[in-house]
Amino acid sequence: MLLSKSCIYGLRASILLATKESSGFITIRDLSDELQISFHFLTKVLQQLTKAELLESFKGPNGGVRLAKPADKITFEEVVTSLDGTYHHLDCPLGLPACGELAPCPMHSQWMELQNNIHQMIGRVTLSDLSKRQKQGKLKQQIPAQTGS
């Protein structure tokens, strides 16, 4: 499954919001600073998540964004679908354009099993699951600082 940069940033922001769920509204500036993501780009991504009713936004001096429903009610798949559209299987791993049920490649059955497992997993994993891993330090959100050469 290949995700767009917008989708990846949306997932990262959603997970961070889930870790701060009880904090109320979080400013987009704070999110962009903490995640090291362009403020303007992140704003556009969060607008899409708000339009999809996964986030709520509030304007003004105490404004920001927050999850529109509990983190355990928002799946990884919902975020992906709201930003990248419906989940699609990847093309044939051997690059055969005619590969399918009627003319399967040598890897078709294993590939489809893997695709089905991925689809089931993203439909089960919630932002709450991922935020718990984040809080335990098992999920890194920031890009490591680069050292000089």
N, C-alpha and C. Protein backbone atom coordinates (compact mmCIF):
# COMPACT_ATOMS: atom_id res chain seq x y z
N MET A 1 0.85 -1.16 0.00
CA MET A 1 0.00 0.00 0.00
C MET A 1 0.89 1.22 0.00
N LEU A 2 0.75 2.04 -0.99
CA LEU A 2 1.52 3.26 -1.08
C LEU A 2 0.63 4.42 -0.66
N LEU A 3 1.13 5.20 0.29
CA LEU A 3 0.37 6.33 0.79
C LEU A 3 1.00 7.63 0.32
N SER A 4 0.16 8.61 0.04
CA SER A 4 0.66 9.93 -0.34
C SER A 4 1.29 10.62 0.87
N LYS A 5 2.08 11.64 0.60
CA LYS A 5 2.69 12.42 1.68
C LYS A 5 1.60 13.07 2.53
N SER A 6 0.52 13.53 1.89
CA SER A 6 -0.61 14.11 2.63
C SER A 6 -1.18 13.10 3.60
N CYS A 7 -1.34 11.88 3.15
CA CYS A 7 -1.92 10.83 3.99
C CYS A 7 -0.99 10.50 5.16
N ILE A 8 0.28 10.39 4.88
CA ILE A 8 1.24 10.10 5.95
C ILE A 8 1.22 11.21 7.00
N TYR A 9 1.22 12.46 6.55
CA TYR A 9 1.17 13.58 7.49
C TYR A 9 -0.15 13.59 8.26
N GLY A 10 -1.25 13.27 7.58
CA GLY A 10 -2.54 13.20 8.25
C GLY A 10 -2.58 12.12 9.31
N LEU A 11 -1.98 10.99 9.02
CA LEU A 11 -1.91 9.91 10.01
C LEU A 11 -1.05 10.32 11.20
N ARG A 12 0.09 10.91 10.93
CA ARG A 12 0.97 11.35 12.01
C ARG A 12 0.28 12.38 12.90
N ALA A 13 -0.40 13.34 12.29
CA ALA A 13 -1.11 14.37 13.07
C ALA A 13 -2.26 13.76 13.85
N SER A 14 -2.98 12.84 13.25
CA SER A 14 -4.11 12.19 13.93
C SER A 14 -3.65 11.38 15.13
N ILE A 15 -2.54 10.69 14.98
CA ILE A 15 -2.00 9.91 16.10
C ILE A 15 -1.58 10.85 17.22
N LEU A 16 -0.92 11.94 16.87
CA LEU A 16 -0.51 12.92 17.89
C LEU A 16 -1.73 13.51 18.59
N LEU A 17 -2.77 13.83 17.84
CA LEU A 17 -4.00 14.35 18.46
C LEU A 17 -4.61 13.30 19.39
N ALA A 18 -4.52 12.03 19.02
CA ALA A 18 -5.05 10.97 19.87
C ALA A 18 -4.27 10.89 21.18
N THR A 19 -2.95 11.14 21.14
CA THR A 19 -2.16 11.11 22.38
C THR A 19 -2.51 12.29 23.29
N LYS A 20 -3.05 13.37 22.69
CA LYS A 20 -3.40 14.57 23.45
C LYS A 20 -4.91 14.75 23.53
N GLU A 21 -5.63 13.65 23.40
CA GLU A 21 -7.10 13.69 23.28
C GLU A 21 -7.77 14.49 24.39
N SER A 22 -7.27 14.39 25.60
CA SER A 22 -7.91 15.08 26.72
C SER A 22 -7.51 16.55 26.83
N SER A 23 -6.61 17.00 25.97
CA SER A 23 -6.11 18.37 26.04
C SER A 23 -7.00 19.39 25.35
N GLY A 24 -8.05 18.94 24.68
CA GLY A 24 -8.91 19.87 23.96
C GLY A 24 -8.33 20.20 22.60
N PHE A 25 -8.56 21.44 22.16
CA PHE A 25 -8.08 21.88 20.86
C PHE A 25 -6.57 22.14 20.91
N ILE A 26 -5.87 21.69 19.87
CA ILE A 26 -4.43 21.88 19.74
C ILE A 26 -4.21 22.75 18.51
N THR A 27 -3.36 23.75 18.63
CA THR A 27 -3.14 24.63 17.47
C THR A 27 -2.39 23.87 16.37
N ILE A 28 -2.67 24.25 15.16
CA ILE A 28 -1.99 23.64 14.01
C ILE A 28 -0.51 23.99 14.06
N ARG A 29 -0.18 25.16 14.53
CA ARG A 29 1.23 25.56 14.67
C ARG A 29 1.95 24.61 15.61
N ASP A 30 1.32 24.29 16.76
CA ASP A 30 1.95 23.36 17.70
C ASP A 30 2.14 21.98 17.08
N LEU A 31 1.13 21.52 16.34
CA LEU A 31 1.23 20.22 15.67
C LEU A 31 2.36 20.24 14.64
N SER A 32 2.40 21.29 13.82
CA SER A 32 3.42 21.35 12.78
C SER A 32 4.82 21.43 13.38
N ASP A 33 4.97 22.16 14.46
CA ASP A 33 6.27 22.26 15.12
C ASP A 33 6.69 20.92 15.71
N GLU A 34 5.78 20.28 16.40
CA GLU A 34 6.11 19.00 17.05
C GLU A 34 6.40 17.90 16.04
N LEU A 35 5.67 17.90 14.94
CA LEU A 35 5.86 16.86 13.92
C LEU A 35 6.90 17.24 12.86
N GLN A 36 7.37 18.48 12.91
CA GLN A 36 8.34 18.98 11.93
C GLN A 36 7.77 18.88 10.51
N ILE A 37 6.54 19.38 10.36
CA ILE A 37 5.83 19.38 9.09
C ILE A 37 5.49 20.83 8.75
N SER A 38 5.56 21.18 7.48
CA SER A 38 5.21 22.52 7.04
C SER A 38 3.81 22.90 7.54
N PHE A 39 3.71 24.07 8.16
CA PHE A 39 2.43 24.56 8.69
C PHE A 39 1.37 24.64 7.61
N HIS A 40 1.72 25.22 6.47
CA HIS A 40 0.73 25.41 5.40
C HIS A 40 0.27 24.09 4.80
N PHE A 41 1.21 23.18 4.61
CA PHE A 41 0.84 21.86 4.06
C PHE A 41 -0.04 21.11 5.05
N LEU A 42 0.35 21.13 6.34
CA LEU A 42 -0.43 20.43 7.35
C LEU A 42 -1.83 21.03 7.48
N THR A 43 -1.94 22.34 7.34
CA THR A 43 -3.25 23.00 7.40
C THR A 43 -4.19 22.43 6.34
N LYS A 44 -3.69 22.27 5.13
CA LYS A 44 -4.51 21.72 4.04
C LYS A 44 -4.92 20.28 4.32
N VAL A 45 -4.01 19.49 4.87
CA VAL A 45 -4.31 18.10 5.20
C VAL A 45 -5.39 18.04 6.29
N LEU A 46 -5.24 18.86 7.31
CA LEU A 46 -6.20 18.86 8.42
C LEU A 46 -7.57 19.36 7.97
N GLN A 47 -7.61 20.25 6.99
CA GLN A 47 -8.89 20.69 6.43
C GLN A 47 -9.63 19.50 5.80
N GLN A 48 -8.90 18.62 5.12
CA GLN A 48 -9.52 17.44 4.53
C GLN A 48 -10.06 16.52 5.61
N LEU A 49 -9.32 16.34 6.69
CA LEU A 49 -9.77 15.48 7.78
C LEU A 49 -10.99 16.09 8.49
N THR A 50 -11.03 17.42 8.55
CA THR A 50 -12.19 18.10 9.13
C THR A 50 -13.40 17.93 8.23
N LYS A 51 -13.20 18.08 6.94
CA LYS A 51 -14.29 17.89 5.98
C LYS A 51 -14.84 16.46 6.04
N ALA A 52 -13.96 15.50 6.30
CA ALA A 52 -14.37 14.09 6.42
C ALA A 52 -14.98 13.79 7.80
N GLU A 53 -15.06 14.82 8.66
CA GLU A 53 -15.64 14.73 10.00
C GLU A 53 -14.86 13.81 10.93
N LEU A 54 -13.54 13.72 10.70
CA LEU A 54 -12.67 13.00 11.62
C LEU A 54 -12.06 13.95 12.64
N LEU A 55 -11.99 15.24 12.25
CA LEU A 55 -11.50 16.29 13.15
C LEU A 55 -12.55 17.38 13.28
N GLU A 56 -12.45 18.13 14.36
CA GLU A 56 -13.24 19.34 14.55
C GLU A 56 -12.24 20.48 14.62
N SER A 57 -12.62 21.62 14.08
CA SER A 57 -11.73 22.78 14.17
C SER A 57 -12.48 23.92 14.84
N PHE A 58 -11.71 24.77 15.48
CA PHE A 58 -12.27 25.92 16.18
C PHE A 58 -11.37 27.10 15.89
N LYS A 59 -11.93 28.17 15.39
CA LYS A 59 -11.15 29.36 15.05
C LYS A 59 -11.08 30.30 16.24
N GLY A 60 -10.08 31.13 16.22
CA GLY A 60 -9.94 32.12 17.28
C GLY A 60 -8.68 31.92 18.08
N PRO A 61 -8.49 32.78 19.10
CA PRO A 61 -7.26 32.74 19.88
C PRO A 61 -7.03 31.43 20.62
N ASN A 62 -8.08 30.76 21.01
CA ASN A 62 -7.95 29.48 21.70
C ASN A 62 -8.32 28.33 20.76
N GLY A 63 -8.25 28.59 19.48
CA GLY A 63 -8.67 27.61 18.48
C GLY A 63 -7.62 26.56 18.19
N GLY A 64 -8.00 25.69 17.29
CA GLY A 64 -7.13 24.60 16.89
C GLY A 64 -7.97 23.46 16.34
N VAL A 65 -7.44 22.27 16.46
CA VAL A 65 -8.14 21.07 16.00
C VAL A 65 -8.11 20.01 17.09
N ARG A 66 -9.06 19.10 17.00
CA ARG A 66 -9.10 17.93 17.88
C ARG A 66 -9.86 16.84 17.15
N LEU A 67 -9.76 15.63 17.66
CA LEU A 67 -10.50 14.52 17.07
C LEU A 67 -11.99 14.76 17.23
N ALA A 68 -12.77 14.40 16.23
CA ALA A 68 -14.22 14.62 16.26
C ALA A 68 -14.95 13.53 17.04
N LYS A 69 -14.27 12.41 17.27
CA LYS A 69 -14.85 11.32 18.06
C LYS A 69 -13.70 10.63 18.79
N PRO A 70 -14.01 9.78 19.74
CA PRO A 70 -12.94 9.12 20.50
C PRO A 70 -11.95 8.38 19.60
N ALA A 71 -10.68 8.40 19.99
CA ALA A 71 -9.62 7.78 19.19
C ALA A 71 -9.85 6.29 18.95
N ASP A 72 -10.56 5.63 19.86
CA ASP A 72 -10.82 4.20 19.65
C ASP A 72 -11.95 3.95 18.66
N LYS A 73 -12.54 5.03 18.15
CA LYS A 73 -13.62 4.91 17.15
C LYS A 73 -13.16 5.35 15.75
N ILE A 74 -11.89 5.73 15.62
CA ILE A 74 -11.35 6.15 14.32
C ILE A 74 -10.28 5.16 13.91
N THR A 75 -10.47 4.53 12.76
CA THR A 75 -9.50 3.54 12.29
C THR A 75 -8.47 4.17 11.36
N PHE A 76 -7.37 3.48 11.24
CA PHE A 76 -6.31 3.83 10.30
C PHE A 76 -6.92 3.95 8.90
N GLU A 77 -7.80 3.02 8.56
CA GLU A 77 -8.44 3.00 7.24
C GLU A 77 -9.28 4.26 6.99
N GLU A 78 -9.98 4.75 8.01
CA GLU A 78 -10.79 5.96 7.84
C GLU A 78 -9.93 7.16 7.48
N VAL A 79 -8.78 7.28 8.13
CA VAL A 79 -7.89 8.40 7.85
C VAL A 79 -7.35 8.27 6.43
N VAL A 80 -6.89 7.06 6.08
CA VAL A 80 -6.35 6.82 4.74
C VAL A 80 -7.41 7.12 3.68
N THR A 81 -8.62 6.62 3.88
CA THR A 81 -9.69 6.80 2.91
C THR A 81 -10.06 8.28 2.76
N SER A 82 -10.07 9.01 3.85
CA SER A 82 -10.44 10.43 3.78
C SER A 82 -9.40 11.26 3.03
N LEU A 83 -8.15 10.81 3.02
CA LEU A 83 -7.09 11.58 2.38
C LEU A 83 -6.66 11.03 1.01
N ASP A 84 -6.67 9.72 0.87
CA ASP A 84 -6.20 9.11 -0.38
C ASP A 84 -7.29 8.39 -1.16
N GLY A 85 -8.50 8.38 -0.64
CA GLY A 85 -9.58 7.67 -1.33
C GLY A 85 -9.62 6.22 -0.91
N THR A 86 -10.44 5.46 -1.56
CA THR A 86 -10.67 4.06 -1.22
C THR A 86 -9.38 3.26 -1.32
N TYR A 87 -9.22 2.35 -0.39
CA TYR A 87 -8.04 1.47 -0.37
C TYR A 87 -8.01 0.65 -1.65
N HIS A 88 -6.85 0.62 -2.29
CA HIS A 88 -6.69 -0.16 -3.52
C HIS A 88 -5.56 -1.16 -3.34
N HIS A 89 -5.73 -2.31 -3.94
CA HIS A 89 -4.65 -3.29 -3.94
C HIS A 89 -3.54 -2.80 -4.85
N LEU A 90 -2.33 -3.20 -4.53
CA LEU A 90 -1.21 -2.86 -5.39
C LEU A 90 -1.23 -3.75 -6.62
N ASP A 91 -0.63 -3.28 -7.66
CA ASP A 91 -0.56 -4.04 -8.91
C ASP A 91 0.22 -5.33 -8.73
N CYS A 92 0.17 -6.15 -9.72
CA CYS A 92 0.88 -7.42 -9.75
C CYS A 92 2.35 -7.21 -9.38
N PRO A 93 2.89 -8.00 -8.44
CA PRO A 93 4.30 -7.80 -8.05
C PRO A 93 5.28 -8.14 -9.17
N LEU A 94 4.83 -8.88 -10.17
CA LEU A 94 5.70 -9.20 -11.31
C LEU A 94 5.49 -8.24 -12.48
N GLY A 95 4.59 -7.28 -12.29
CA GLY A 95 4.35 -6.28 -13.31
C GLY A 95 3.56 -6.76 -14.51
N LEU A 96 2.83 -7.85 -14.36
CA LEU A 96 2.06 -8.39 -15.48
C LEU A 96 0.71 -7.68 -15.55
N PRO A 97 0.44 -6.95 -16.62
CA PRO A 97 -0.79 -6.17 -16.71
C PRO A 97 -2.07 -7.01 -16.74
N ALA A 98 -1.99 -8.24 -17.21
CA ALA A 98 -3.18 -9.08 -17.31
C ALA A 98 -3.41 -9.94 -16.07
N CYS A 99 -2.56 -9.79 -15.06
CA CYS A 99 -2.68 -10.62 -13.85
C CYS A 99 -4.03 -10.37 -13.17
N GLY A 100 -4.68 -11.43 -12.80
CA GLY A 100 -5.97 -11.36 -12.11
C GLY A 100 -6.50 -12.76 -11.89
N GLU A 101 -7.71 -12.87 -11.41
CA GLU A 101 -8.29 -14.18 -11.14
C GLU A 101 -8.34 -15.07 -12.38
N LEU A 102 -8.61 -14.49 -13.53
CA LEU A 102 -8.72 -15.28 -14.76
C LEU A 102 -7.36 -15.66 -15.34
N ALA A 103 -6.35 -14.86 -15.11
CA ALA A 103 -5.00 -15.14 -15.63
C ALA A 103 -3.98 -14.79 -14.55
N PRO A 104 -3.93 -15.59 -13.48
CA PRO A 104 -3.05 -15.25 -12.35
C PRO A 104 -1.57 -15.48 -12.66
N CYS A 105 -0.73 -14.61 -12.10
CA CYS A 105 0.71 -14.80 -12.18
C CYS A 105 1.11 -15.85 -11.15
N PRO A 106 2.36 -16.31 -11.17
CA PRO A 106 2.79 -17.33 -10.19
C PRO A 106 2.67 -16.90 -8.73
N MET A 107 2.64 -15.59 -8.46
CA MET A 107 2.56 -15.10 -7.08
C MET A 107 1.16 -14.62 -6.71
N HIS A 108 0.20 -14.72 -7.61
CA HIS A 108 -1.11 -14.09 -7.42
C HIS A 108 -1.79 -14.49 -6.11
N SER A 109 -1.87 -15.76 -5.82
CA SER A 109 -2.63 -16.17 -4.62
C SER A 109 -1.96 -15.67 -3.34
N GLN A 110 -0.64 -15.75 -3.26
CA GLN A 110 0.06 -15.25 -2.06
C GLN A 110 -0.07 -13.73 -1.96
N TRP A 111 0.01 -13.05 -3.10
CA TRP A 111 -0.10 -11.59 -3.13
C TRP A 111 -1.48 -11.14 -2.67
N MET A 112 -2.51 -11.83 -3.14
CA MET A 112 -3.87 -11.46 -2.74
C MET A 112 -4.10 -11.73 -1.25
N GLU A 113 -3.51 -12.81 -0.74
CA GLU A 113 -3.63 -13.09 0.70
C GLU A 113 -2.98 -11.98 1.52
N LEU A 114 -1.80 -11.53 1.08
CA LEU A 114 -1.12 -10.43 1.76
C LEU A 114 -1.96 -9.16 1.69
N GLN A 115 -2.51 -8.85 0.53
CA GLN A 115 -3.35 -7.67 0.36
C GLN A 115 -4.57 -7.73 1.28
N ASN A 116 -5.20 -8.88 1.36
CA ASN A 116 -6.38 -9.03 2.23
C ASN A 116 -6.01 -8.85 3.70
N ASN A 117 -4.84 -9.37 4.10
CA ASN A 117 -4.39 -9.20 5.48
C ASN A 117 -4.13 -7.72 5.80
N ILE A 118 -3.53 -7.00 4.86
CA ILE A 118 -3.28 -5.57 5.06
C ILE A 118 -4.62 -4.84 5.20
N HIS A 119 -5.55 -5.15 4.31
CA HIS A 119 -6.86 -4.48 4.35
C HIS A 119 -7.56 -4.74 5.69
N GLN A 120 -7.52 -5.97 6.17
CA GLN A 120 -8.14 -6.28 7.46
C GLN A 120 -7.45 -5.55 8.60
N MET A 121 -6.12 -5.49 8.56
CA MET A 121 -5.37 -4.85 9.62
C MET A 121 -5.68 -3.36 9.69
N ILE A 122 -5.68 -2.66 8.55
CA ILE A 122 -5.92 -1.22 8.62
C ILE A 122 -7.36 -0.91 9.02
N GLY A 123 -8.26 -1.85 8.83
CA GLY A 123 -9.63 -1.66 9.26
C GLY A 123 -9.83 -1.90 10.76
N ARG A 124 -8.87 -2.60 11.37
CA ARG A 124 -8.96 -2.92 12.80
C ARG A 124 -8.18 -1.94 13.68
N VAL A 125 -7.03 -1.51 13.21
CA VAL A 125 -6.15 -0.66 14.02
C VAL A 125 -6.78 0.72 14.17
N THR A 126 -6.86 1.18 15.41
CA THR A 126 -7.45 2.50 15.68
C THR A 126 -6.37 3.51 16.06
N LEU A 127 -6.75 4.77 16.04
CA LEU A 127 -5.84 5.81 16.49
C LEU A 127 -5.48 5.61 17.96
N SER A 128 -6.40 5.06 18.73
CA SER A 128 -6.13 4.77 20.13
C SER A 128 -5.01 3.74 20.26
N ASP A 129 -5.07 2.68 19.45
CA ASP A 129 -4.01 1.66 19.47
C ASP A 129 -2.65 2.28 19.18
N LEU A 130 -2.62 3.13 18.15
CA LEU A 130 -1.36 3.74 17.74
C LEU A 130 -0.88 4.78 18.75
N SER A 131 -1.81 5.51 19.36
CA SER A 131 -1.39 6.52 20.35
C SER A 131 -0.82 5.85 21.60
N LYS A 132 -1.34 4.68 21.96
CA LYS A 132 -0.77 3.94 23.11
C LYS A 132 0.67 3.55 22.83
N ARG A 133 0.93 3.11 21.60
CA ARG A 133 2.30 2.77 21.22
C ARG A 133 3.18 4.02 21.22
N GLN A 134 2.61 5.13 20.80
CA GLN A 134 3.35 6.40 20.81
C GLN A 134 3.73 6.77 22.24
N LYS A 135 2.79 6.66 23.16
CA LYS A 135 3.05 7.01 24.56
C LYS A 135 4.08 6.10 25.19
N GLN A 136 4.14 4.84 24.73
CA GLN A 136 5.12 3.89 25.25
C GLN A 136 6.49 4.05 24.60
N GLY A 137 6.58 4.97 23.66
CA GLY A 137 7.85 5.20 22.98
C GLY A 137 8.14 4.19 21.88
N LYS A 138 7.14 3.42 21.48
CA LYS A 138 7.33 2.39 20.46
C LYS A 138 6.97 2.87 19.07
N LEU A 139 6.53 4.11 18.95
CA LEU A 139 6.16 4.67 17.65
C LEU A 139 6.78 6.06 17.58
N LYS A 140 7.70 6.24 16.69
CA LYS A 140 8.40 7.52 16.57
C LYS A 140 7.64 8.41 15.61
N GLN A 141 7.47 9.67 15.98
CA GLN A 141 6.74 10.63 15.17
C GLN A 141 7.66 11.63 14.48
N GLN A 142 8.80 11.87 15.06
CA GLN A 142 9.67 12.90 14.51
C GLN A 142 10.77 12.28 13.68
N ILE A 143 11.24 13.05 12.74
CA ILE A 143 12.38 12.65 11.94
C ILE A 143 13.62 12.93 12.78
N PRO A 144 14.52 11.96 12.92
CA PRO A 144 15.71 12.20 13.74
C PRO A 144 16.54 13.36 13.20
N ALA A 145 17.10 14.12 14.10
CA ALA A 145 17.95 15.24 13.70
C ALA A 145 19.16 14.69 12.96
N GLN A 146 19.54 15.36 11.89
CA GLN A 146 20.70 14.90 11.12
C GLN A 146 21.95 15.53 11.70
N THR A 147 22.98 14.71 11.77
CA THR A 147 24.25 15.22 12.28
C THR A 147 25.10 15.75 11.13
N GLY A 148 25.96 16.67 11.42
CA GLY A 148 26.82 17.24 10.39
C GLY A 148 27.82 16.21 9.87
N SER A 149 28.33 16.41 8.65
CA SER A 149 29.27 15.44 8.09
C SER A 149 30.70 15.82 8.38
